[in-house]
Amino acid sequence: MSDFKIIETQEELDAVIKARLSREREKYADYEDLKKQLADFEAKETTYQNTINDLKTREADLTSQIESLNGDLTKTKLQTAKQRIATEYGLPLDLAERLQGDDEEGFKADAERLASYLAPKQPTPPMKSNEPAISDSKEASWAEMARNLINTGD
């Protein structure tokens, strides 16, 4: 250690205190600069937080917009598939929207079932026993001639 010097006058005391104060002030000399930097960083942080919040809001809006567009696209694809399948099975396009199912296979099964109901069926010829008896002799002769033509064929 250094030799301790006894302080005997006020000037010596003032000099020692002044030296100590100047050393202490040197420690905190950049305090004002640090306060300014802190204020700048806080302002930047606020700006960044606002930007982050704006981007989060924008992301949520875009996500909901994408979901809406995906739903519309799926709906359009299903409508197109229904129309194609209805045309494939000979159904009128008005009935395409009535096809039920979750996918194309379901639509095809429903279209096949509808087509079986709407398909024209061959009319069954009336049975001879159900035919009315011909009471007019003129018509009876015509019917006889027609039967003879059918039975005699070339």
C-alpha atoms as a PDB file:
ATOM      1  CA  MET A   1       0.000   0.000   0.000  1.00  0.00           C
ATOM      2  CA  SER A   2       0.865   3.530  -0.386  1.00  0.00           C
ATOM      3  CA  ASP A   3       1.812   5.642   2.520  1.00  0.00           C
ATOM      4  CA  PHE A   4      -1.129   7.409   4.032  1.00  0.00           C
ATOM      5  CA  LYS A   5      -0.785  11.124   4.146  1.00  0.00           C
ATOM      6  CA  ILE A   6      -2.603  12.933   6.869  1.00  0.00           C
ATOM      7  CA  ILE A   7      -4.929  15.682   5.639  1.00  0.00           C
ATOM      8  CA  GLU A   8      -4.262  18.803   7.589  1.00  0.00           C
ATOM      9  CA  THR A   9      -5.919  21.595   5.630  1.00  0.00           C
ATOM     10  CA  GLN A  10      -9.266  22.208   4.001  1.00  0.00           C
ATOM     11  CA  GLU A  11      -7.603  22.600   0.585  1.00  0.00           C
ATOM     12  CA  GLU A  12      -6.046  19.178   0.845  1.00  0.00           C
ATOM     13  CA  LEU A  13      -9.426  17.704   1.816  1.00  0.00           C
ATOM     14  CA  ASP A  14     -11.096  19.502  -1.093  1.00  0.00           C
ATOM     15  CA  ALA A  15      -8.449  18.185  -3.484  1.00  0.00           C
ATOM     16  CA  VAL A  16      -8.926  14.586  -2.277  1.00  0.00           C
ATOM     17  CA  ILE A  17     -12.728  14.883  -2.526  1.00  0.00           C
ATOM     18  CA  LYS A  18     -12.456  16.541  -5.937  1.00  0.00           C
ATOM     19  CA  ALA A  19     -10.219  13.722  -7.200  1.00  0.00           C
ATOM     20  CA  ARG A  20     -12.641  11.139  -5.846  1.00  0.00           C
ATOM     21  CA  LEU A  21     -15.635  12.890  -7.391  1.00  0.00           C
ATOM     22  CA  SER A  22     -13.911  13.181 -10.760  1.00  0.00           C
ATOM     23  CA  ARG A  23     -13.122   9.452 -10.712  1.00  0.00           C
ATOM     24  CA  GLU A  24     -16.768   8.704  -9.846  1.00  0.00           C
ATOM     25  CA  ARG A  25     -18.035  11.039 -12.592  1.00  0.00           C
ATOM     26  CA  GLU A  26     -15.813   9.285 -15.115  1.00  0.00           C
ATOM     27  CA  LYS A  27     -17.609   6.028 -14.275  1.00  0.00           C
ATOM     28  CA  TYR A  28     -20.982   7.558 -15.179  1.00  0.00           C
ATOM     29  CA  ALA A  29     -19.824   9.904 -17.919  1.00  0.00           C
ATOM     30  CA  ASP A  30     -21.647   7.936 -20.611  1.00  0.00           C
ATOM     31  CA  TYR A  31     -24.888   7.771 -18.559  1.00  0.00           C
ATOM     32  CA  GLU A  32     -26.661  10.378 -20.712  1.00  0.00           C
ATOM     33  CA  ASP A  33     -25.598   8.575 -23.882  1.00  0.00           C
ATOM     34  CA  LEU A  34     -26.920   5.325 -22.452  1.00  0.00           C
ATOM     35  CA  LYS A  35     -30.235   7.006 -21.593  1.00  0.00           C
ATOM     36  CA  LYS A  36     -30.512   8.270 -25.184  1.00  0.00           C
ATOM     37  CA  GLN A  37     -29.673   4.831 -26.568  1.00  0.00           C
ATOM     38  CA  LEU A  38     -32.265   3.265 -24.270  1.00  0.00           C
ATOM     39  CA  ALA A  39     -34.910   5.714 -25.468  1.00  0.00           C
ATOM     40  CA  ASP A  40     -33.973   4.953 -29.091  1.00  0.00           C
ATOM     41  CA  PHE A  41     -34.147   1.198 -28.454  1.00  0.00           C
ATOM     42  CA  GLU A  42     -37.517   1.532 -26.728  1.00  0.00           C
ATOM     43  CA  ALA A  43     -38.865   3.544 -29.673  1.00  0.00           C
ATOM     44  CA  LYS A  44     -37.549   0.934 -32.103  1.00  0.00           C
ATOM     45  CA  GLU A  45     -39.027  -1.858 -29.984  1.00  0.00           C
ATOM     46  CA  THR A  46     -42.423  -0.144 -30.052  1.00  0.00           C
ATOM     47  CA  THR A  47     -42.173   0.215 -33.825  1.00  0.00           C
ATOM     48  CA  TYR A  48     -41.174  -3.436 -34.192  1.00  0.00           C
ATOM     49  CA  GLN A  49     -44.013  -4.576 -31.912  1.00  0.00           C
ATOM     50  CA  ASN A  50     -46.491  -2.570 -34.008  1.00  0.00           C
ATOM     51  CA  THR A  51     -45.051  -4.102 -37.169  1.00  0.00           C
ATOM     52  CA  ILE A  52     -45.294  -7.598 -35.669  1.00  0.00           C
ATOM     53  CA  ASN A  53     -48.912  -7.008 -34.642  1.00  0.00           C
ATOM     54  CA  ASP A  54     -49.751  -5.666 -38.115  1.00  0.00           C
ATOM     55  CA  LEU A  55     -48.120  -8.712 -39.710  1.00  0.00           C
ATOM     56  CA  LYS A  56     -49.999 -11.078 -37.391  1.00  0.00           C
ATOM     57  CA  THR A  57     -53.279  -9.386 -38.317  1.00  0.00           C
ATOM     58  CA  ARG A  58     -52.401  -9.566 -41.982  1.00  0.00           C
ATOM     59  CA  GLU A  59     -51.466 -13.242 -41.637  1.00  0.00           C
ATOM     60  CA  ALA A  60     -54.802 -14.008 -39.985  1.00  0.00           C
ATOM     61  CA  ASP A  61     -56.662 -12.154 -42.761  1.00  0.00           C
ATOM     62  CA  LEU A  62     -54.718 -13.953 -45.477  1.00  0.00           C
ATOM     63  CA  THR A  63     -55.205 -17.313 -43.778  1.00  0.00           C
ATOM     64  CA  SER A  64     -58.962 -16.816 -43.632  1.00  0.00           C
ATOM     65  CA  GLN A  65     -58.939 -15.641 -47.245  1.00  0.00           C
ATOM     66  CA  ILE A  66     -56.983 -18.754 -48.294  1.00  0.00           C
ATOM     67  CA  GLU A  67     -59.408 -20.998 -46.411  1.00  0.00           C
ATOM     68  CA  SER A  68     -62.338 -19.274 -48.104  1.00  0.00           C
ATOM     69  CA  LEU A  69     -60.755 -19.645 -51.538  1.00  0.00           C
ATOM     70  CA  ASN A  70     -59.922 -23.308 -50.878  1.00  0.00           C
ATOM     71  CA  GLY A  71     -63.539 -23.897 -49.898  1.00  0.00           C
ATOM     72  CA  ASP A  72     -64.720 -22.193 -53.095  1.00  0.00           C
ATOM     73  CA  LEU A  73     -62.270 -24.242 -55.154  1.00  0.00           C
ATOM     74  CA  THR A  74     -63.444 -27.492 -53.577  1.00  0.00           C
ATOM     75  CA  LYS A  75     -67.060 -26.517 -54.165  1.00  0.00           C
ATOM     76  CA  THR A  76     -66.314 -25.695 -57.810  1.00  0.00           C
ATOM     77  CA  LYS A  77     -64.470 -28.996 -58.293  1.00  0.00           C
ATOM     78  CA  LEU A  78     -67.411 -30.908 -56.824  1.00  0.00           C
ATOM     79  CA  GLN A  79     -69.878 -29.051 -59.067  1.00  0.00           C
ATOM     80  CA  THR A  80     -67.742 -29.796 -62.108  1.00  0.00           C
ATOM     81  CA  ALA A  81     -67.514 -33.467 -61.129  1.00  0.00           C
ATOM     82  CA  LYS A  82     -71.287 -33.623 -60.620  1.00  0.00           C
ATOM     83  CA  GLN A  83     -71.927 -32.106 -64.059  1.00  0.00           C
ATOM     84  CA  ARG A  84     -69.421 -34.422 -65.727  1.00  0.00           C
ATOM     85  CA  ILE A  85     -70.873 -37.505 -64.040  1.00  0.00           C
ATOM     86  CA  ALA A  86     -74.447 -36.440 -64.823  1.00  0.00           C
ATOM     87  CA  THR A  87     -73.496 -36.065 -68.484  1.00  0.00           C
ATOM     88  CA  GLU A  88     -71.661 -39.401 -68.402  1.00  0.00           C
ATOM     89  CA  TYR A  89     -74.754 -41.207 -67.103  1.00  0.00           C
ATOM     90  CA  GLY A  90     -77.153 -39.380 -69.433  1.00  0.00           C
ATOM     91  CA  LEU A  91     -78.838 -37.335 -66.727  1.00  0.00           C
ATOM     92  CA  PRO A  92     -80.111 -33.814 -67.411  1.00  0.00           C
ATOM     93  CA  LEU A  93     -77.788 -31.114 -66.074  1.00  0.00           C
ATOM     94  CA  ASP A  94     -80.628 -29.865 -63.872  1.00  0.00           C
ATOM     95  CA  LEU A  95     -80.289 -33.087 -61.886  1.00  0.00           C
ATOM     96  CA  ALA A  96     -76.512 -32.723 -61.522  1.00  0.00           C
ATOM     97  CA  GLU A  97     -76.910 -30.634 -58.364  1.00  0.00           C
ATOM     98  CA  ARG A  98     -79.127 -33.335 -56.851  1.00  0.00           C
ATOM     99  CA  LEU A  99     -76.363 -35.925 -56.944  1.00  0.00           C
ATOM    100  CA  GLN A 100     -75.314 -36.847 -53.435  1.00  0.00           C
ATOM    101  CA  GLY A 101     -72.046 -38.125 -52.095  1.00  0.00           C
ATOM    102  CA  ASP A 102     -68.778 -36.959 -50.619  1.00  0.00           C
ATOM    103  CA  ASP A 103     -66.578 -37.749 -53.586  1.00  0.00           C
ATOM    104  CA  GLU A 104     -66.730 -38.833 -57.217  1.00  0.00           C
ATOM    105  CA  GLU A 105     -67.442 -42.459 -56.324  1.00  0.00           C
ATOM    106  CA  GLY A 106     -70.466 -41.402 -54.300  1.00  0.00           C
ATOM    107  CA  PHE A 107     -71.656 -39.182 -57.149  1.00  0.00           C
ATOM    108  CA  LYS A 108     -71.258 -42.047 -59.622  1.00  0.00           C
ATOM    109  CA  ALA A 109     -73.254 -44.437 -57.450  1.00  0.00           C
ATOM    110  CA  ASP A 110     -76.037 -41.890 -57.047  1.00  0.00           C
ATOM    111  CA  ALA A 111     -76.017 -41.045 -60.767  1.00  0.00           C
ATOM    112  CA  GLU A 112     -76.247 -44.729 -61.649  1.00  0.00           C
ATOM    113  CA  ARG A 113     -79.222 -45.147 -59.340  1.00  0.00           C
ATOM    114  CA  LEU A 114     -80.960 -42.041 -60.769  1.00  0.00           C
ATOM    115  CA  ALA A 115     -80.232 -43.138 -64.328  1.00  0.00           C
ATOM    116  CA  SER A 116     -81.874 -46.490 -63.659  1.00  0.00           C
ATOM    117  CA  TYR A 117     -85.074 -44.682 -62.668  1.00  0.00           C
ATOM    118  CA  LEU A 118     -84.951 -42.304 -65.614  1.00  0.00           C
ATOM    119  CA  ALA A 119     -83.887 -44.799 -68.282  1.00  0.00           C
ATOM    120  CA  PRO A 120     -86.584 -45.407 -70.889  1.00  0.00           C
ATOM    121  CA  LYS A 121     -87.902 -48.921 -70.549  1.00  0.00           C
ATOM    122  CA  GLN A 122     -89.028 -51.023 -73.482  1.00  0.00           C
ATOM    123  CA  PRO A 123     -92.798 -51.089 -73.476  1.00  0.00           C
ATOM    124  CA  THR A 124     -94.145 -54.566 -73.069  1.00  0.00           C
ATOM    125  CA  PRO A 125     -96.538 -55.532 -75.833  1.00  0.00           C
ATOM    126  CA  PRO A 126    -100.064 -56.161 -74.681  1.00  0.00           C
ATOM    127  CA  MET A 127    -101.064 -59.749 -74.280  1.00  0.00           C
ATOM    128  CA  LYS A 128    -103.526 -61.133 -76.806  1.00  0.00           C
ATOM    129  CA  SER A 129    -105.978 -62.023 -74.098  1.00  0.00           C
ATOM    130  CA  ASN A 130    -106.078 -58.361 -73.046  1.00  0.00           C
ATOM    131  CA  GLU A 131    -106.769 -57.037 -76.533  1.00  0.00           C
ATOM    132  CA  PRO A 132    -110.295 -55.837 -77.009  1.00  0.00           C
ATOM    133  CA  ALA A 133    -112.471 -57.854 -79.333  1.00  0.00           C
ATOM    134  CA  ILE A 134    -113.088 -56.238 -82.699  1.00  0.00           C
ATOM    135  CA  SER A 135    -116.784 -55.797 -83.159  1.00  0.00           C
ATOM    136  CA  ASP A 136    -116.761 -54.021 -86.519  1.00  0.00           C
ATOM    137  CA  SER A 137    -116.547 -56.483 -89.436  1.00  0.00           C
ATOM    138  CA  LYS A 138    -114.528 -54.054 -91.544  1.00  0.00           C
ATOM    139  CA  GLU A 139    -111.893 -53.707 -88.810  1.00  0.00           C
ATOM    140  CA  ALA A 140    -111.941 -57.441 -88.239  1.00  0.00           C
ATOM    141  CA  SER A 141    -111.122 -58.078 -91.885  1.00  0.00           C
ATOM    142  CA  TRP A 142    -108.247 -55.613 -91.746  1.00  0.00           C
ATOM    143  CA  ALA A 143    -106.894 -57.289 -88.613  1.00  0.00           C
ATOM    144  CA  GLU A 144    -107.182 -60.710 -90.271  1.00  0.00           C
ATOM    145  CA  MET A 145    -105.256 -59.424 -93.290  1.00  0.00           C
ATOM    146  CA  ALA A 146    -102.506 -58.007 -91.044  1.00  0.00           C
ATOM    147  CA  ARG A 147    -102.186 -61.323 -89.179  1.00  0.00           C
ATOM    148  CA  ASN A 148    -101.927 -63.184 -92.472  1.00  0.00           C
ATOM    149  CA  LEU A 149     -99.194 -60.825 -93.695  1.00  0.00           C
ATOM    150  CA  ILE A 150     -97.188 -61.303 -90.525  1.00  0.00           C
ATOM    151  CA  ASN A 151     -97.548 -65.078 -90.509  1.00  0.00           C
ATOM    152  CA  THR A 152     -96.844 -65.660 -94.201  1.00  0.00           C
ATOM    153  CA  GLY A 153     -93.741 -63.436 -94.575  1.00  0.00           C
ATOM    154  CA  ASP A 154     -91.279 -64.021 -97.414  1.00  0.00           C
END
